[in-house]
């Protein structure tokens, strides 16, 4: 694929992969020259004879591609890619800012978890300290603890971040 210039209309698109094919689809897209982001997190796996830390996809069956609209067919023709995500009848795209925030979240020392539950809006807050300073979100009650929920628009998921109450301000 040609190099990007400032005049090209590149957007981030969430892509749904076949089950357990995220890493293979990621590598196939990289081999095609497509800028791709696959959020990974370390997880301790238990086998009958041992434990091992492995990198697993943070959002099962999802990865993100940074392409022009006309390159969507090439992405769909990639082994492991199932389809684009649709929102209101159109292929969903994500703002640069959301991908940057997701990358920052993945690099943070906070324990993260993802849920498909439709979390109800609560009190709006802003993180005032730590590596996530400046992030806005909503307070929710989840598993009897106070946690900050940051919504990723157009994905149907919410990211739950464990944050100390002293790190937040109400607005």
N, C-alpha and C. Protein backbone atom coordinates (compact mmCIF):
# COMPACT_ATOMS: atom_id res chain seq x y z
N UNK A 1 0.84 -1.18 0.00
CA UNK A 1 0.00 0.00 0.00
C UNK A 1 0.88 1.24 0.00
N UNK A 2 0.42 2.30 -0.65
CA UNK A 2 1.23 3.51 -0.72
C UNK A 2 1.38 4.18 0.64
N UNK A 3 2.42 4.98 0.75
CA UNK A 3 2.66 5.72 1.99
C UNK A 3 1.56 6.75 2.19
N UNK A 4 1.29 7.06 3.46
CA UNK A 4 0.25 8.02 3.78
C UNK A 4 0.76 9.44 3.61
N UNK A 5 -0.12 10.31 3.17
CA UNK A 5 0.19 11.73 3.16
C UNK A 5 -0.91 12.44 3.93
N UNK A 6 -0.69 13.67 4.25
CA UNK A 6 -1.67 14.42 5.03
C UNK A 6 -2.99 14.61 4.30
N UNK A 7 -2.98 14.51 2.97
CA UNK A 7 -4.21 14.72 2.21
C UNK A 7 -5.06 13.46 2.12
N UNK A 8 -4.48 12.30 2.42
CA UNK A 8 -5.26 11.06 2.39
C UNK A 8 -6.25 11.07 3.55
N UNK A 9 -7.40 10.44 3.33
CA UNK A 9 -8.44 10.41 4.35
C UNK A 9 -8.41 9.06 5.08
N UNK A 10 -7.42 8.88 5.91
CA UNK A 10 -7.29 7.65 6.67
C UNK A 10 -8.16 7.73 7.91
N UNK A 11 -8.82 6.62 8.26
CA UNK A 11 -9.62 6.52 9.47
C UNK A 11 -9.32 5.20 10.15
N UNK A 12 -9.57 5.15 11.45
CA UNK A 12 -9.46 3.90 12.20
C UNK A 12 -10.81 3.19 12.15
N UNK A 13 -10.78 1.91 11.80
CA UNK A 13 -11.98 1.10 11.74
C UNK A 13 -11.82 -0.12 12.63
N UNK A 14 -12.82 -0.43 13.47
CA UNK A 14 -12.77 -1.68 14.21
C UNK A 14 -13.15 -2.82 13.27
N UNK A 15 -12.41 -3.92 13.37
CA UNK A 15 -12.63 -5.08 12.51
C UNK A 15 -12.89 -6.30 13.40
N UNK A 16 -13.88 -7.08 13.03
CA UNK A 16 -14.20 -8.31 13.75
C UNK A 16 -13.48 -9.47 13.07
N UNK A 17 -12.78 -10.28 13.86
CA UNK A 17 -12.03 -11.41 13.30
C UNK A 17 -12.77 -12.72 13.60
N UNK A 18 -12.33 -13.77 12.93
CA UNK A 18 -12.84 -15.09 13.27
C UNK A 18 -12.39 -15.43 14.68
N UNK A 19 -13.07 -16.33 15.32
CA UNK A 19 -12.76 -16.70 16.70
C UNK A 19 -11.30 -17.14 16.85
N UNK A 20 -10.61 -16.55 17.80
CA UNK A 20 -9.23 -16.86 18.15
C UNK A 20 -8.25 -16.67 16.98
N UNK A 21 -8.59 -15.76 16.07
CA UNK A 21 -7.74 -15.50 14.90
C UNK A 21 -7.17 -14.09 14.92
N UNK A 22 -7.25 -13.39 16.06
CA UNK A 22 -6.82 -12.00 16.12
C UNK A 22 -5.35 -11.83 15.73
N UNK A 23 -4.48 -12.65 16.31
CA UNK A 23 -3.03 -12.50 16.06
C UNK A 23 -2.67 -12.86 14.62
N UNK A 24 -3.32 -13.88 14.08
CA UNK A 24 -3.05 -14.27 12.68
C UNK A 24 -3.55 -13.20 11.71
N UNK A 25 -4.74 -12.65 11.97
CA UNK A 25 -5.27 -11.59 11.12
C UNK A 25 -4.39 -10.35 11.23
N UNK A 26 -3.95 -10.03 12.45
CA UNK A 26 -3.06 -8.90 12.68
C UNK A 26 -1.79 -9.05 11.84
N UNK A 27 -1.16 -10.21 11.90
CA UNK A 27 0.08 -10.43 11.16
C UNK A 27 -0.14 -10.39 9.66
N UNK A 28 -1.26 -10.95 9.19
CA UNK A 28 -1.57 -10.93 7.75
C UNK A 28 -1.78 -9.49 7.27
N UNK A 29 -2.44 -8.66 8.06
CA UNK A 29 -2.64 -7.26 7.69
C UNK A 29 -1.32 -6.50 7.69
N UNK A 30 -0.48 -6.74 8.69
CA UNK A 30 0.84 -6.10 8.74
C UNK A 30 1.65 -6.49 7.49
N UNK A 31 1.58 -7.77 7.12
CA UNK A 31 2.30 -8.25 5.93
C UNK A 31 1.81 -7.57 4.65
N UNK A 32 0.55 -7.13 4.64
CA UNK A 32 0.00 -6.39 3.49
C UNK A 32 0.34 -4.91 3.54
N UNK A 33 0.98 -4.47 4.63
CA UNK A 33 1.33 -3.07 4.77
C UNK A 33 0.24 -2.21 5.37
N UNK A 34 -0.75 -2.83 6.00
CA UNK A 34 -1.86 -2.10 6.61
C UNK A 34 -1.49 -1.75 8.06
N UNK A 35 -1.63 -0.47 8.42
CA UNK A 35 -1.39 -0.07 9.81
C UNK A 35 -2.50 -0.68 10.65
N UNK A 36 -2.11 -1.50 11.61
CA UNK A 36 -3.06 -2.28 12.40
C UNK A 36 -2.71 -2.18 13.87
N UNK A 37 -3.73 -2.14 14.73
CA UNK A 37 -3.50 -2.12 16.17
C UNK A 37 -4.30 -3.25 16.81
N UNK A 38 -3.60 -4.11 17.54
CA UNK A 38 -4.22 -5.20 18.28
C UNK A 38 -3.86 -5.03 19.75
N UNK A 39 -4.81 -4.52 20.57
CA UNK A 39 -4.50 -4.35 21.99
C UNK A 39 -4.32 -5.71 22.66
N UNK A 40 -3.17 -5.90 23.31
CA UNK A 40 -2.85 -7.14 24.00
C UNK A 40 -2.62 -6.86 25.48
N UNK A 41 -2.96 -7.82 26.33
CA UNK A 41 -2.63 -7.72 27.75
C UNK A 41 -2.11 -9.06 28.23
N UNK A 42 -1.25 -9.00 29.24
CA UNK A 42 -0.67 -10.23 29.78
C UNK A 42 -1.64 -10.87 30.75
N UNK A 43 -1.73 -12.21 30.64
CA UNK A 43 -2.63 -12.98 31.46
C UNK A 43 -1.91 -14.23 31.92
N UNK A 44 -2.09 -14.61 33.17
CA UNK A 44 -1.48 -15.82 33.70
C UNK A 44 -2.39 -17.00 33.35
N UNK A 45 -1.87 -17.93 32.53
CA UNK A 45 -2.63 -19.12 32.12
C UNK A 45 -2.20 -20.31 32.97
N UNK A 46 -3.15 -21.14 33.34
CA UNK A 46 -2.88 -22.32 34.16
C UNK A 46 -3.12 -23.58 33.33
N UNK A 47 -2.10 -24.39 33.22
CA UNK A 47 -2.24 -25.71 32.62
C UNK A 47 -2.12 -26.74 33.74
N UNK A 48 -2.32 -27.99 33.44
CA UNK A 48 -2.26 -29.01 34.49
C UNK A 48 -0.86 -29.12 35.10
N UNK A 49 0.18 -28.83 34.31
CA UNK A 49 1.55 -29.01 34.81
C UNK A 49 2.32 -27.70 35.03
N UNK A 50 1.76 -26.56 34.63
CA UNK A 50 2.52 -25.31 34.77
C UNK A 50 1.61 -24.09 34.62
N UNK A 51 2.19 -22.95 34.99
CA UNK A 51 1.56 -21.64 34.78
C UNK A 51 2.49 -20.85 33.87
N UNK A 52 1.90 -19.99 33.04
CA UNK A 52 2.71 -19.19 32.13
C UNK A 52 1.99 -17.88 31.83
N UNK A 53 2.77 -16.78 31.75
CA UNK A 53 2.22 -15.49 31.33
C UNK A 53 2.17 -15.47 29.81
N UNK A 54 1.01 -15.16 29.25
CA UNK A 54 0.85 -15.07 27.80
C UNK A 54 0.16 -13.75 27.45
N UNK A 55 0.42 -13.25 26.24
CA UNK A 55 -0.27 -12.06 25.77
C UNK A 55 -1.52 -12.49 25.02
N UNK A 56 -2.65 -12.00 25.51
CA UNK A 56 -3.95 -12.33 24.93
C UNK A 56 -4.58 -11.04 24.38
N UNK A 57 -5.41 -11.16 23.34
CA UNK A 57 -6.14 -9.97 22.87
C UNK A 57 -7.02 -9.43 23.99
N UNK A 58 -6.98 -8.12 24.20
CA UNK A 58 -7.76 -7.48 25.25
C UNK A 58 -9.25 -7.52 24.91
N UNK A 59 -9.57 -7.28 23.65
CA UNK A 59 -10.96 -7.31 23.18
C UNK A 59 -11.07 -8.50 22.23
N UNK A 60 -11.69 -9.56 22.68
CA UNK A 60 -11.79 -10.78 21.88
C UNK A 60 -12.40 -10.52 20.51
N UNK A 61 -11.75 -11.04 19.49
CA UNK A 61 -12.20 -10.98 18.09
C UNK A 61 -12.21 -9.58 17.47
N UNK A 62 -11.47 -8.63 18.08
CA UNK A 62 -11.39 -7.28 17.54
C UNK A 62 -9.95 -6.89 17.29
N UNK A 63 -9.75 -6.12 16.21
CA UNK A 63 -8.53 -5.37 16.00
C UNK A 63 -8.92 -4.12 15.25
N UNK A 64 -7.97 -3.21 15.06
CA UNK A 64 -8.27 -1.91 14.47
C UNK A 64 -7.33 -1.66 13.31
N UNK A 65 -7.89 -1.17 12.19
CA UNK A 65 -7.08 -0.87 11.00
C UNK A 65 -7.18 0.61 10.69
N UNK A 66 -6.07 1.19 10.21
CA UNK A 66 -6.00 2.61 9.86
C UNK A 66 -5.85 2.68 8.34
N UNK A 67 -6.97 2.86 7.65
CA UNK A 67 -7.01 2.76 6.20
C UNK A 67 -7.88 3.87 5.60
N UNK A 68 -7.81 3.96 4.26
CA UNK A 68 -8.76 4.79 3.52
C UNK A 68 -9.98 3.92 3.22
N UNK A 69 -11.10 4.55 2.99
CA UNK A 69 -12.34 3.83 2.74
C UNK A 69 -12.20 2.84 1.58
N UNK A 70 -11.48 3.23 0.55
CA UNK A 70 -11.35 2.37 -0.64
C UNK A 70 -10.52 1.10 -0.36
N UNK A 71 -9.85 1.03 0.77
CA UNK A 71 -9.04 -0.15 1.10
C UNK A 71 -9.80 -1.18 1.94
N UNK A 72 -11.08 -0.93 2.18
CA UNK A 72 -11.87 -1.84 3.01
C UNK A 72 -11.96 -3.24 2.41
N UNK A 73 -12.10 -3.34 1.11
CA UNK A 73 -12.20 -4.65 0.45
C UNK A 73 -10.92 -5.45 0.66
N UNK A 74 -9.77 -4.81 0.56
CA UNK A 74 -8.49 -5.49 0.77
C UNK A 74 -8.40 -6.05 2.19
N UNK A 75 -8.88 -5.31 3.15
CA UNK A 75 -8.89 -5.78 4.55
C UNK A 75 -9.81 -6.99 4.68
N UNK A 76 -11.00 -6.92 4.07
CA UNK A 76 -11.95 -8.04 4.15
C UNK A 76 -11.42 -9.31 3.48
N UNK A 77 -10.51 -9.15 2.53
CA UNK A 77 -9.94 -10.31 1.82
C UNK A 77 -8.74 -10.88 2.57
N UNK A 78 -8.52 -10.48 3.80
CA UNK A 78 -7.40 -10.94 4.60
C UNK A 78 -7.82 -12.14 5.43
N UNK A 79 -6.98 -13.14 5.45
CA UNK A 79 -7.26 -14.36 6.22
C UNK A 79 -7.44 -14.01 7.70
N UNK A 80 -8.52 -14.49 8.29
CA UNK A 80 -8.82 -14.26 9.70
C UNK A 80 -9.79 -13.11 9.94
N UNK A 81 -9.95 -12.22 8.96
CA UNK A 81 -10.88 -11.09 9.11
C UNK A 81 -12.28 -11.55 8.71
N UNK A 82 -13.25 -11.30 9.59
CA UNK A 82 -14.63 -11.70 9.31
C UNK A 82 -15.42 -10.56 8.68
N UNK A 83 -15.38 -9.38 9.33
CA UNK A 83 -16.19 -8.27 8.83
C UNK A 83 -15.81 -6.99 9.55
N UNK A 84 -16.29 -5.88 9.00
CA UNK A 84 -16.19 -4.60 9.68
C UNK A 84 -17.35 -4.50 10.66
N UNK A 85 -17.23 -3.62 11.62
CA UNK A 85 -18.29 -3.37 12.59
C UNK A 85 -19.18 -2.27 12.03
N UNK A 86 -20.49 -2.47 12.12
CA UNK A 86 -21.45 -1.48 11.63
C UNK A 86 -22.11 -0.78 12.79
N UNK A 87 -22.39 0.50 12.60
CA UNK A 87 -23.09 1.31 13.59
C UNK A 87 -24.08 2.18 12.82
N UNK A 88 -25.35 2.06 13.13
CA UNK A 88 -26.42 2.80 12.44
C UNK A 88 -26.40 2.56 10.94
N UNK A 89 -26.14 1.32 10.52
CA UNK A 89 -26.18 0.95 9.12
C UNK A 89 -24.95 1.29 8.30
N UNK A 90 -23.94 1.90 8.92
CA UNK A 90 -22.71 2.24 8.19
C UNK A 90 -21.51 1.61 8.89
N UNK A 91 -20.44 1.40 8.13
CA UNK A 91 -19.22 0.89 8.73
C UNK A 91 -18.73 1.91 9.75
N UNK A 92 -18.53 1.44 10.97
CA UNK A 92 -18.12 2.33 12.06
C UNK A 92 -16.65 2.72 11.92
N UNK A 93 -16.37 3.98 12.20
CA UNK A 93 -14.98 4.44 12.28
C UNK A 93 -14.80 5.05 13.66
N UNK A 94 -13.54 5.14 14.08
CA UNK A 94 -13.23 5.65 15.41
C UNK A 94 -12.30 6.85 15.29
N UNK A 95 -12.50 7.85 16.13
CA UNK A 95 -11.59 9.01 16.11
C UNK A 95 -10.17 8.60 16.53
N UNK A 96 -9.17 9.28 15.97
CA UNK A 96 -7.76 9.06 16.34
C UNK A 96 -7.60 9.08 17.85
N UNK A 97 -8.29 10.03 18.50
CA UNK A 97 -8.19 10.22 19.94
C UNK A 97 -8.53 8.94 20.70
N UNK A 98 -9.55 8.21 20.25
CA UNK A 98 -9.95 6.99 20.96
C UNK A 98 -8.88 5.90 20.85
N UNK A 99 -8.25 5.78 19.70
CA UNK A 99 -7.18 4.79 19.56
C UNK A 99 -6.00 5.20 20.44
N UNK A 100 -5.68 6.49 20.46
CA UNK A 100 -4.59 6.98 21.33
C UNK A 100 -4.91 6.71 22.79
N UNK A 101 -6.16 6.93 23.21
CA UNK A 101 -6.55 6.66 24.60
C UNK A 101 -6.49 5.17 24.91
N UNK A 102 -6.91 4.33 23.96
CA UNK A 102 -6.84 2.89 24.17
C UNK A 102 -5.39 2.44 24.33
N UNK A 103 -4.50 2.99 23.50
CA UNK A 103 -3.08 2.66 23.62
C UNK A 103 -2.53 3.10 24.97
N UNK A 104 -2.93 4.27 25.43
CA UNK A 104 -2.50 4.77 26.74
C UNK A 104 -3.02 3.87 27.85
N UNK A 105 -4.29 3.48 27.76
CA UNK A 105 -4.86 2.57 28.75
C UNK A 105 -4.10 1.25 28.80
N UNK A 106 -3.78 0.71 27.63
CA UNK A 106 -3.10 -0.58 27.58
C UNK A 106 -1.68 -0.48 28.17
N UNK A 107 -1.06 0.70 28.11
CA UNK A 107 0.28 0.89 28.64
C UNK A 107 0.27 1.27 30.12
N UNK A 108 -0.91 1.55 30.66
CA UNK A 108 -0.99 2.00 32.06
C UNK A 108 -0.81 0.83 33.02
N UNK A 109 -0.43 1.14 34.28
CA UNK A 109 -0.25 0.07 35.26
C UNK A 109 -1.56 -0.38 35.89
N UNK A 110 -2.68 0.24 35.52
CA UNK A 110 -3.97 -0.12 36.11
C UNK A 110 -4.44 -1.48 35.64
N UNK A 111 -5.14 -2.18 36.53
CA UNK A 111 -5.75 -3.44 36.17
C UNK A 111 -7.00 -3.13 35.36
N UNK A 112 -7.08 -3.66 34.16
CA UNK A 112 -8.20 -3.38 33.26
C UNK A 112 -9.03 -4.63 33.07
N UNK A 113 -10.30 -4.43 32.83
CA UNK A 113 -11.16 -5.54 32.42
C UNK A 113 -12.13 -4.98 31.41
N UNK A 114 -12.66 -5.84 30.57
CA UNK A 114 -13.61 -5.40 29.55
C UNK A 114 -14.91 -6.15 29.75
N UNK A 115 -16.01 -5.50 29.47
CA UNK A 115 -17.31 -6.12 29.63
C UNK A 115 -18.21 -5.73 28.47
N UNK A 116 -19.11 -6.64 28.11
CA UNK A 116 -20.09 -6.34 27.07
C UNK A 116 -21.40 -5.85 27.69
N UNK A 117 -21.44 -5.79 29.02
CA UNK A 117 -22.65 -5.31 29.68
C UNK A 117 -22.94 -3.89 29.25
N UNK A 118 -24.23 -3.58 29.11
CA UNK A 118 -24.62 -2.22 28.78
C UNK A 118 -24.66 -1.44 30.09
N UNK A 119 -23.57 -0.75 30.40
CA UNK A 119 -23.45 -0.03 31.65
C UNK A 119 -24.29 1.24 31.61
N UNK A 120 -25.03 1.48 32.67
CA UNK A 120 -25.90 2.66 32.73
C UNK A 120 -25.09 3.89 33.08
N UNK A 121 -25.39 5.02 32.47
CA UNK A 121 -24.66 6.25 32.76
C UNK A 121 -24.81 6.63 34.23
N UNK A 122 -23.72 7.14 34.80
CA UNK A 122 -23.74 7.59 36.19
C UNK A 122 -23.14 8.98 36.29
N UNK A 123 -22.54 9.24 37.42
CA UNK A 123 -21.94 10.54 37.67
C UNK A 123 -20.71 10.73 36.79
N UNK A 124 -20.62 11.86 36.11
CA UNK A 124 -19.48 12.15 35.24
C UNK A 124 -18.29 12.58 36.09
N UNK A 125 -17.10 12.05 35.75
CA UNK A 125 -15.90 12.39 36.51
C UNK A 125 -14.72 12.62 35.58
N UNK A 126 -13.66 13.18 36.14
CA UNK A 126 -12.40 13.40 35.43
C UNK A 126 -11.29 12.87 36.32
N UNK A 127 -10.34 12.13 35.74
CA UNK A 127 -9.21 11.65 36.52
C UNK A 127 -8.23 12.80 36.68
N UNK A 128 -7.83 13.07 37.94
CA UNK A 128 -7.00 14.23 38.23
C UNK A 128 -5.56 13.88 38.56
N UNK A 129 -5.22 12.59 38.66
CA UNK A 129 -3.85 12.19 39.01
C UNK A 129 -3.52 10.86 38.35
N UNK A 130 -2.23 10.57 38.28
CA UNK A 130 -1.78 9.30 37.72
C UNK A 130 -1.62 9.35 36.21
N UNK A 131 -1.28 8.20 35.60
CA UNK A 131 -1.02 8.16 34.16
C UNK A 131 -2.27 8.42 33.30
N UNK A 132 -3.45 8.30 33.87
CA UNK A 132 -4.69 8.54 33.11
C UNK A 132 -5.25 9.93 33.36
N UNK A 133 -4.44 10.82 33.94
CA UNK A 133 -4.87 12.18 34.24
C UNK A 133 -5.47 12.83 32.99
N UNK A 134 -6.66 13.44 33.19
CA UNK A 134 -7.34 14.12 32.09
C UNK A 134 -8.40 13.27 31.42
N UNK A 135 -8.44 11.98 31.69
CA UNK A 135 -9.47 11.12 31.10
C UNK A 135 -10.81 11.42 31.76
N UNK A 136 -11.86 11.46 30.97
CA UNK A 136 -13.21 11.64 31.48
C UNK A 136 -13.92 10.30 31.44
N UNK A 137 -14.87 10.12 32.33
CA UNK A 137 -15.61 8.86 32.36
C UNK A 137 -16.84 8.96 33.23
N UNK A 138 -17.34 7.81 33.61
CA UNK A 138 -18.53 7.74 34.45
C UNK A 138 -18.25 6.78 35.60
N UNK A 139 -18.79 7.11 36.77
CA UNK A 139 -18.69 6.21 37.92
C UNK A 139 -19.81 5.20 37.81
N UNK A 140 -19.47 3.94 38.03
CA UNK A 140 -20.49 2.89 38.05
C UNK A 140 -20.25 2.01 39.26
N UNK A 141 -21.27 1.31 39.66
CA UNK A 141 -21.12 0.32 40.73
C UNK A 141 -21.00 -1.03 40.04
N UNK A 142 -19.90 -1.69 40.24
CA UNK A 142 -19.64 -2.95 39.53
C UNK A 142 -18.92 -3.89 40.48
N UNK A 143 -19.52 -5.01 40.77
CA UNK A 143 -18.94 -5.99 41.71
C UNK A 143 -18.59 -5.37 43.06
N UNK A 144 -19.46 -4.51 43.52
CA UNK A 144 -19.36 -3.92 44.86
C UNK A 144 -18.13 -3.06 45.08
N UNK A 145 -17.50 -2.54 44.05
CA UNK A 145 -16.35 -1.65 44.21
C UNK A 145 -16.60 -0.40 43.38
N UNK A 146 -15.96 0.70 43.76
CA UNK A 146 -16.03 1.91 42.93
C UNK A 146 -14.99 1.80 41.85
N UNK A 147 -15.42 1.92 40.63
CA UNK A 147 -14.52 1.84 39.49
C UNK A 147 -14.93 2.89 38.47
N UNK A 148 -14.01 3.24 37.61
CA UNK A 148 -14.27 4.20 36.55
C UNK A 148 -14.52 3.45 35.26
N UNK A 149 -15.62 3.75 34.59
CA UNK A 149 -15.93 3.13 33.30
C UNK A 149 -15.67 4.15 32.21
N UNK A 150 -14.79 3.82 31.27
CA UNK A 150 -14.54 4.66 30.11
C UNK A 150 -15.19 4.00 28.91
N UNK A 151 -16.07 4.69 28.26
CA UNK A 151 -16.77 4.11 27.12
C UNK A 151 -15.98 4.30 25.83
N UNK A 152 -15.93 3.25 25.02
CA UNK A 152 -15.39 3.35 23.66
C UNK A 152 -16.60 3.42 22.74
N UNK A 153 -16.80 4.57 22.12
CA UNK A 153 -17.96 4.75 21.26
C UNK A 153 -17.90 3.82 20.06
N UNK A 154 -19.05 3.49 19.54
CA UNK A 154 -19.22 2.71 18.30
C UNK A 154 -18.70 1.28 18.40
N UNK A 155 -18.49 0.77 19.60
CA UNK A 155 -18.01 -0.61 19.71
C UNK A 155 -18.95 -1.50 20.50
N UNK A 156 -19.81 -0.95 21.32
CA UNK A 156 -20.68 -1.75 22.15
C UNK A 156 -19.97 -2.33 23.37
N UNK A 157 -18.81 -1.82 23.69
CA UNK A 157 -18.05 -2.27 24.85
C UNK A 157 -17.81 -1.09 25.77
N UNK A 158 -17.55 -1.39 27.05
CA UNK A 158 -17.07 -0.39 28.00
C UNK A 158 -15.80 -0.95 28.61
N UNK A 159 -14.84 -0.08 28.89
CA UNK A 159 -13.63 -0.50 29.57
C UNK A 159 -13.74 -0.07 31.01
N UNK A 160 -13.49 -0.98 31.91
CA UNK A 160 -13.57 -0.69 33.33
C UNK A 160 -12.15 -0.60 33.87
N UNK A 161 -11.82 0.53 34.48
CA UNK A 161 -10.49 0.77 35.02
C UNK A 161 -10.62 0.89 36.53
N UNK A 162 -9.77 0.19 37.25
CA UNK A 162 -9.75 0.27 38.71
C UNK A 162 -8.94 1.51 39.10
N UNK A 163 -9.60 2.51 39.64
CA UNK A 163 -8.95 3.77 39.98
C UNK A 163 -9.34 4.15 41.41
N UNK A 164 -8.38 4.63 42.18
CA UNK A 164 -8.66 5.08 43.54
C UNK A 164 -9.57 6.30 43.50
N UNK A 165 -10.49 6.35 44.45
CA UNK A 165 -11.45 7.47 44.51
C UNK A 165 -10.74 8.81 44.67
N UNK A 166 -9.57 8.82 45.31
CA UNK A 166 -8.83 10.07 45.51
C UNK A 166 -8.26 10.61 44.20
N UNK A 167 -8.27 9.81 43.13
CA UNK A 167 -7.73 10.23 41.84
C UNK A 167 -8.78 10.91 40.96
N UNK A 168 -10.00 11.03 41.44
CA UNK A 168 -11.05 11.57 40.57
C UNK A 168 -11.65 12.86 41.11
N UNK A 169 -12.15 13.69 40.19
CA UNK A 169 -12.88 14.93 40.48
C UNK A 169 -14.24 14.81 39.81
N UNK A 170 -15.26 15.32 40.41
CA UNK A 170 -16.57 15.38 39.77
C UNK A 170 -16.66 16.67 38.96
N UNK A 171 -17.43 16.63 37.83
CA UNK A 171 -17.65 17.91 37.12
C UNK A 171 -19.09 18.24 37.05
